[in-house]
């Protein structure tokens, strides 16, 4: 089967996420057309994208000539039909309202070319619920860009129950070409992975503030000066390997005597039973290929120092 070519991309929504998403695809050489029912938002979109490109310029991430080429690839369409008429890929970035998204995707099914892939940028809604009533559910997929989309490399991707393998394959290839790093969610949960983590952090922060544990500013500093830098170079599983899974197990079971039977920590229990405690044994959730904990930490510390250096050079 001949690979599906993606040449022109339509972005529907010129609010919070649309302009940044348009910039992402224009940077990778695509012609991008953006549309919004809000005429005032459409009038502001070019100014928004230019301001973003100016930031890239001041950081030395592109030249003026390159920035001008990127901006020249982004066009504004006066209506939905003209925006998607010959688009190969459509990104929906409208308000987080199931009724409005469902209505839009029904329209897109009839207005876009038969082979066009239709992607939703929803951060909370099920792609299957959005696809309800669509005439081509096999072409629908979720691509949740993380705000600001032109800066954050990760994009959550989720297929619906009727999304085809080709739709997934073409979408992943397009995102990678655009310099993004797709994260495929295998199951739907409200908020998907990123926002579920985000809401858990926000809930904990609000709880700490309400309990008077620390000031709002210091709770923020716990993330910007400690957890944030560390999590930028190693996720929660590698962090558990760093702490030591034997220590994690001891802490969890001391807090809750019934934790031994908690299915959420079954993976930790299995590793403990095989004496794989993390970096200290060269194997835990990750296999460190015989490297000592000091060798692993030397690499991690180097990356962390780079992050902290970049943060101090604001």
Protein backbone atom coordinates (compact mmCIF):
# COMPACT_ATOMS: atom_id res chain seq x y z
CA UNK A 1 0.00 0.00 0.00
CA UNK A 2 1.36 3.43 -0.96
CA UNK A 3 2.16 5.56 2.13
CA UNK A 4 -0.32 8.36 2.73
CA UNK A 5 1.34 11.71 1.99
CA UNK A 6 0.63 14.67 4.26
CA UNK A 7 1.18 17.97 2.48
CA UNK A 8 -1.45 20.40 3.74
CA UNK A 9 -2.67 20.67 7.33
CA UNK A 10 -5.75 22.48 8.64
CA UNK A 11 -5.93 23.70 12.22
CA UNK A 12 -9.43 24.46 13.50
CA UNK A 13 -9.28 26.82 16.47
CA UNK A 14 -7.14 29.94 16.85
CA UNK A 15 -7.28 30.23 20.63
CA UNK A 16 -4.88 28.75 23.18
CA UNK A 17 -3.50 25.73 21.30
CA UNK A 18 -4.20 26.34 17.62
CA UNK A 19 -1.53 28.96 16.81
CA UNK A 20 1.25 26.94 18.45
CA UNK A 21 0.15 23.76 16.70
CA UNK A 22 0.09 25.61 13.37
CA UNK A 23 3.65 26.81 14.02
CA UNK A 24 4.81 23.24 14.75
CA UNK A 25 3.64 21.95 11.39
CA UNK A 26 4.79 25.02 9.44
CA UNK A 27 8.26 24.55 10.94
CA UNK A 28 8.38 21.05 9.46
CA UNK A 29 7.65 22.39 5.97
CA UNK A 30 3.87 21.93 5.73
CA UNK A 31 1.36 24.40 4.37
CA UNK A 32 -0.99 25.18 7.26
CA UNK A 33 -4.45 26.76 7.08
CA UNK A 34 -6.08 27.94 10.29
CA UNK A 35 -9.75 28.72 10.87
CA UNK A 36 -11.92 29.78 13.80
CA UNK A 37 -15.57 30.81 14.15
CA UNK A 38 -14.31 33.72 16.26
CA UNK A 39 -13.30 36.37 13.72
CA UNK A 40 -11.38 38.38 16.33
CA UNK A 41 -9.28 35.33 17.19
CA UNK A 42 -8.45 34.88 13.50
CA UNK A 43 -7.35 38.49 13.27
CA UNK A 44 -4.93 37.97 16.17
CA UNK A 45 -3.50 34.62 15.07
CA UNK A 46 -0.71 35.93 12.82
CA UNK A 47 0.42 38.33 15.54
CA UNK A 48 0.48 35.46 18.07
CA UNK A 49 2.57 33.21 15.86
CA UNK A 50 4.96 36.04 14.95
CA UNK A 51 5.50 36.80 18.66
CA UNK A 52 6.27 33.13 19.24
CA UNK A 53 8.71 33.07 16.31
CA UNK A 54 10.41 36.19 17.72
CA UNK A 55 11.13 34.20 20.90
CA UNK A 56 12.73 31.46 18.80
CA UNK A 57 14.79 34.14 17.03
CA UNK A 58 16.07 35.74 20.25
CA UNK A 59 17.08 32.27 21.51
CA UNK A 60 19.05 31.62 18.35
CA UNK A 61 16.80 28.72 17.33
CA UNK A 62 16.23 30.04 13.83
CA UNK A 63 17.26 32.87 11.50
CA UNK A 64 15.08 35.71 10.26
CA UNK A 65 14.98 34.11 6.82
CA UNK A 66 13.81 30.79 8.24
CA UNK A 67 11.23 32.52 10.46
CA UNK A 68 9.86 34.39 7.45
CA UNK A 69 9.52 31.12 5.49
CA UNK A 70 7.69 29.47 8.39
CA UNK A 71 5.27 32.40 8.71
CA UNK A 72 4.66 32.40 4.94
CA UNK A 73 3.40 28.79 5.14
CA UNK A 74 0.57 29.71 7.54
CA UNK A 75 -2.64 31.02 5.98
CA UNK A 76 -5.95 32.10 7.47
CA UNK A 77 -9.14 30.62 5.99
CA UNK A 78 -12.41 32.60 6.15
CA UNK A 79 -14.59 29.52 6.68
CA UNK A 80 -14.41 25.86 7.68
CA UNK A 81 -15.11 24.47 4.22
CA UNK A 82 -12.26 26.34 2.54
CA UNK A 83 -9.88 25.44 5.40
CA UNK A 84 -10.33 21.68 5.09
CA UNK A 85 -11.32 21.28 1.44
CA UNK A 86 -7.94 19.91 0.33
CA UNK A 87 -6.33 19.19 3.71
CA UNK A 88 -4.58 15.87 4.29
CA UNK A 89 -4.60 16.22 8.08
CA UNK A 90 -6.96 18.26 10.27
CA UNK A 91 -6.24 19.22 13.88
CA UNK A 92 -9.19 20.30 16.00
CA UNK A 93 -8.23 22.74 18.78
CA UNK A 94 -11.54 24.24 19.88
CA UNK A 95 -13.02 24.56 23.39
CA UNK A 96 -13.26 21.43 25.55
CA UNK A 97 -16.96 20.84 24.93
CA UNK A 98 -18.09 17.36 23.84
CA UNK A 99 -21.21 18.60 22.03
CA UNK A 100 -19.26 21.18 20.01
CA UNK A 101 -16.44 18.76 19.17
CA UNK A 102 -18.87 16.05 18.10
CA UNK A 103 -20.73 18.54 15.89
CA UNK A 104 -17.46 19.76 14.36
CA UNK A 105 -16.21 16.25 13.53
CA UNK A 106 -19.51 15.42 11.85
CA UNK A 107 -18.99 18.50 9.66
CA UNK A 108 -15.35 17.64 9.02
CA UNK A 109 -16.31 14.17 7.85
CA UNK A 110 -18.32 15.65 5.00
CA UNK A 111 -16.14 18.65 4.16
CA UNK A 112 -12.68 17.07 4.20
CA UNK A 113 -11.23 14.73 1.53
CA UNK A 114 -12.06 11.02 2.05
CA UNK A 115 -8.51 10.10 3.10
CA UNK A 116 -7.96 13.09 5.40
CA UNK A 117 -7.06 12.20 8.98
CA UNK A 118 -9.06 14.06 11.62
CA UNK A 119 -7.27 14.65 14.93
CA UNK A 120 -8.64 16.07 18.16
CA UNK A 121 -6.47 18.00 20.58
CA UNK A 122 -8.82 17.17 23.48
CA UNK A 123 -7.08 16.89 26.83
CA UNK A 124 -9.89 15.12 28.69
CA UNK A 125 -12.53 13.65 26.37
CA UNK A 126 -12.65 10.13 24.94
CA UNK A 127 -11.90 9.99 21.23
CA UNK A 128 -14.68 7.41 20.88
CA UNK A 129 -17.20 9.85 22.37
CA UNK A 130 -15.99 12.58 20.05
CA UNK A 131 -16.21 10.22 17.06
CA UNK A 132 -19.85 9.31 17.78
CA UNK A 133 -21.87 10.06 14.65
CA UNK A 134 -18.82 10.58 12.43
CA UNK A 135 -19.03 9.15 8.91
CA UNK A 136 -15.37 8.04 9.00
CA UNK A 137 -14.43 7.01 12.56
CA UNK A 138 -11.47 5.02 11.20
CA UNK A 139 -9.81 8.36 10.36
CA UNK A 140 -10.27 9.89 13.81
CA UNK A 141 -7.43 10.01 16.35
CA UNK A 142 -6.39 12.02 19.38
CA UNK A 143 -3.25 14.17 19.28
CA UNK A 144 -3.04 16.04 22.57
CA UNK A 145 -0.35 18.70 22.27
CA UNK A 146 1.00 19.98 25.58
CA UNK A 147 0.83 23.74 26.14
CA UNK A 148 2.86 25.51 24.75
CA UNK A 149 2.71 23.12 21.76
CA UNK A 150 5.49 24.84 19.81
CA UNK A 151 7.90 24.26 22.74
CA UNK A 152 6.97 21.02 24.55
CA UNK A 153 8.17 18.02 22.50
CA UNK A 154 5.75 15.38 23.82
CA UNK A 155 2.33 14.77 22.22
CA UNK A 156 -0.16 12.27 23.64
CA UNK A 157 -1.71 10.04 20.99
CA UNK A 158 -4.76 7.83 21.51
CA UNK A 159 -6.68 5.80 18.98
CA UNK A 160 -10.38 5.11 19.17
CA UNK A 161 -11.92 1.64 18.95
CA UNK A 162 -12.41 2.19 15.20
CA UNK A 163 -9.21 4.09 14.41
CA UNK A 164 -7.31 2.25 11.70
CA UNK A 165 -3.70 1.09 11.95
CA UNK A 166 -2.85 3.28 8.96
CA UNK A 167 -4.30 6.36 10.68
CA UNK A 168 -2.15 5.69 13.73
CA UNK A 169 0.96 4.96 11.66
CA UNK A 170 0.62 8.09 9.49
CA UNK A 171 -0.09 10.28 12.53
CA UNK A 172 2.97 9.05 14.42
CA UNK A 173 5.17 9.57 11.36
CA UNK A 174 3.83 13.12 10.89
CA UNK A 175 4.43 14.05 14.53
CA UNK A 176 7.96 12.66 14.49
CA UNK A 177 8.71 14.59 11.30
CA UNK A 178 7.51 17.72 13.11
CA UNK A 179 10.08 17.08 15.85
CA UNK A 180 7.57 15.75 18.36
CA UNK A 181 7.91 12.68 20.57
CA UNK A 182 4.56 10.83 20.59
CA UNK A 183 3.38 9.04 23.72
CA UNK A 184 0.75 6.43 22.83
CA UNK A 185 -1.95 5.91 25.48
CA UNK A 186 -3.16 2.31 25.37
CA UNK A 187 -6.33 2.94 27.39
CA UNK A 188 -8.60 5.92 27.93
CA UNK A 189 -8.82 7.60 31.31
CA UNK A 190 -10.31 11.08 31.81
CA UNK A 191 -7.48 13.52 31.26
CA UNK A 192 -5.32 10.85 29.63
CA UNK A 193 -1.84 10.51 31.14
CA UNK A 194 -0.48 14.06 31.29
CA UNK A 195 -3.53 15.80 32.72
CA UNK A 196 -4.18 12.95 35.17
CA UNK A 197 -0.69 13.50 36.57
CA UNK A 198 -1.19 17.26 36.43
CA UNK A 199 -4.47 17.16 38.37
CA UNK A 200 -2.95 14.87 41.02
CA UNK A 201 -0.11 17.37 41.54
CA UNK A 202 -2.49 20.34 41.66
CA UNK A 203 -4.77 18.54 44.13
CA UNK A 204 -1.79 17.76 46.39
CA UNK A 205 -0.56 21.38 46.18
CA UNK A 206 -4.00 22.79 47.06
CA UNK A 207 -4.24 20.32 49.95
CA UNK A 208 -0.81 21.35 51.31
CA UNK A 209 -1.82 25.02 51.10
CA UNK A 210 -5.17 24.46 52.84
CA UNK A 211 -3.42 22.52 55.63
CA UNK A 212 -0.87 25.30 56.12
CA UNK A 213 2.05 22.97 55.36
CA UNK A 214 3.93 25.73 53.53
CA UNK A 215 3.32 28.98 51.68
CA UNK A 216 2.05 28.98 48.12
CA UNK A 217 5.41 30.30 46.92
CA UNK A 218 7.37 27.59 48.75
CA UNK A 219 5.09 24.83 47.45
CA UNK A 220 5.81 26.12 43.94
CA UNK A 221 9.55 26.16 44.76
CA UNK A 222 9.36 22.49 45.76
CA UNK A 223 8.64 21.82 42.09
CA UNK A 224 10.72 24.47 40.34
CA UNK A 225 13.85 23.91 42.47
CA UNK A 226 13.66 20.20 43.34
CA UNK A 227 11.07 17.92 41.79
CA UNK A 228 10.85 19.75 38.47
CA UNK A 229 14.55 19.66 37.58
CA UNK A 230 14.89 16.04 38.69
CA UNK A 231 11.78 14.87 36.86
CA UNK A 232 13.03 16.60 33.71
CA UNK A 233 15.87 14.06 33.47
CA UNK A 234 14.29 11.00 35.10
CA UNK A 235 10.66 9.92 35.48
CA UNK A 236 8.98 8.30 38.48
CA UNK A 237 10.15 4.75 37.72
CA UNK A 238 13.80 5.73 37.39
CA UNK A 239 13.40 7.88 40.51
CA UNK A 240 12.18 4.80 42.39
CA UNK A 241 15.23 2.94 41.10
CA UNK A 242 17.38 5.78 42.44
CA UNK A 243 15.75 5.76 45.88
CA UNK A 244 15.89 1.96 46.01
CA UNK A 245 12.89 -0.31 45.63
CA UNK A 246 13.66 -1.91 49.00
CA UNK A 247 13.34 1.55 50.56
CA UNK A 248 10.15 2.26 48.59
CA UNK A 249 8.69 -1.06 49.74
CA UNK A 250 9.59 -0.41 53.37
CA UNK A 251 8.10 3.09 53.27
CA UNK A 252 4.85 2.02 51.59
CA UNK A 253 4.26 -0.95 53.89
CA UNK A 254 5.03 1.09 56.99
CA UNK A 255 2.35 3.59 56.01
CA UNK A 256 -0.19 0.86 55.28
CA UNK A 257 0.01 -2.63 56.76
CA UNK A 258 -2.27 -3.93 53.99
CA UNK A 259 -0.09 -2.56 51.19
CA UNK A 260 1.35 -6.02 50.53
CA UNK A 261 -1.88 -6.88 48.73
CA UNK A 262 -2.32 -3.57 46.88
CA UNK A 263 -2.29 -4.37 43.12
CA UNK A 264 -0.76 -0.94 42.40
CA UNK A 265 2.57 -2.01 43.91
CA UNK A 266 2.59 -5.57 42.60
CA UNK A 267 5.38 -4.62 40.18
CA UNK A 268 7.53 -3.38 43.09
CA UNK A 269 6.83 -6.55 45.07
CA UNK A 270 7.90 -8.73 42.14
CA UNK A 271 11.22 -6.90 41.82
CA UNK A 272 11.84 -7.06 45.57
CA UNK A 273 11.30 -10.82 45.53
CA UNK A 274 14.02 -11.20 42.88
CA UNK A 275 16.42 -8.86 44.75
CA UNK A 276 16.34 -6.24 42.01
CA UNK A 277 16.33 -3.03 44.04
CA UNK A 278 17.22 -0.49 41.37
CA UNK A 279 20.48 1.28 40.68
CA UNK A 280 22.18 -0.24 43.73
CA UNK A 281 21.83 -3.72 42.19
CA UNK A 282 22.15 -2.52 38.56
CA UNK A 283 18.58 -3.61 37.86
CA UNK A 284 15.13 -2.56 38.96
CA UNK A 285 12.38 -1.18 36.76
CA UNK A 286 15.25 -0.44 34.36
CA UNK A 287 18.24 -2.62 33.48
CA UNK A 288 21.46 -0.62 33.94
CA UNK A 289 23.56 -3.23 32.10
CA UNK A 290 26.03 -3.89 34.87
CA UNK A 291 26.79 -0.21 35.56
CA UNK A 292 27.28 0.73 39.18
CA UNK A 293 24.98 3.21 40.90
CA UNK A 294 27.83 5.76 40.86
CA UNK A 295 28.26 5.40 37.10
CA UNK A 296 24.53 5.82 36.47
CA UNK A 297 24.32 8.81 38.80
CA UNK A 298 27.30 10.46 37.11
CA UNK A 299 25.33 10.51 33.85
CA UNK A 300 22.15 11.71 35.55
CA UNK A 301 24.00 14.44 37.47
CA UNK A 302 25.55 15.70 34.23
CA UNK A 303 22.13 16.07 32.63
CA UNK A 304 20.69 17.65 35.78
CA UNK A 305 23.51 20.22 35.96
CA UNK A 306 22.76 21.16 32.33
CA UNK A 307 19.09 21.71 33.22
CA UNK A 308 19.94 23.82 36.26
CA UNK A 309 22.51 25.83 34.30
CA UNK A 310 19.94 26.55 31.59
CA UNK A 311 17.39 27.56 34.23
CA UNK A 312 19.80 30.00 35.89
CA UNK A 313 20.59 31.68 32.57
CA UNK A 314 17.14 33.21 32.16
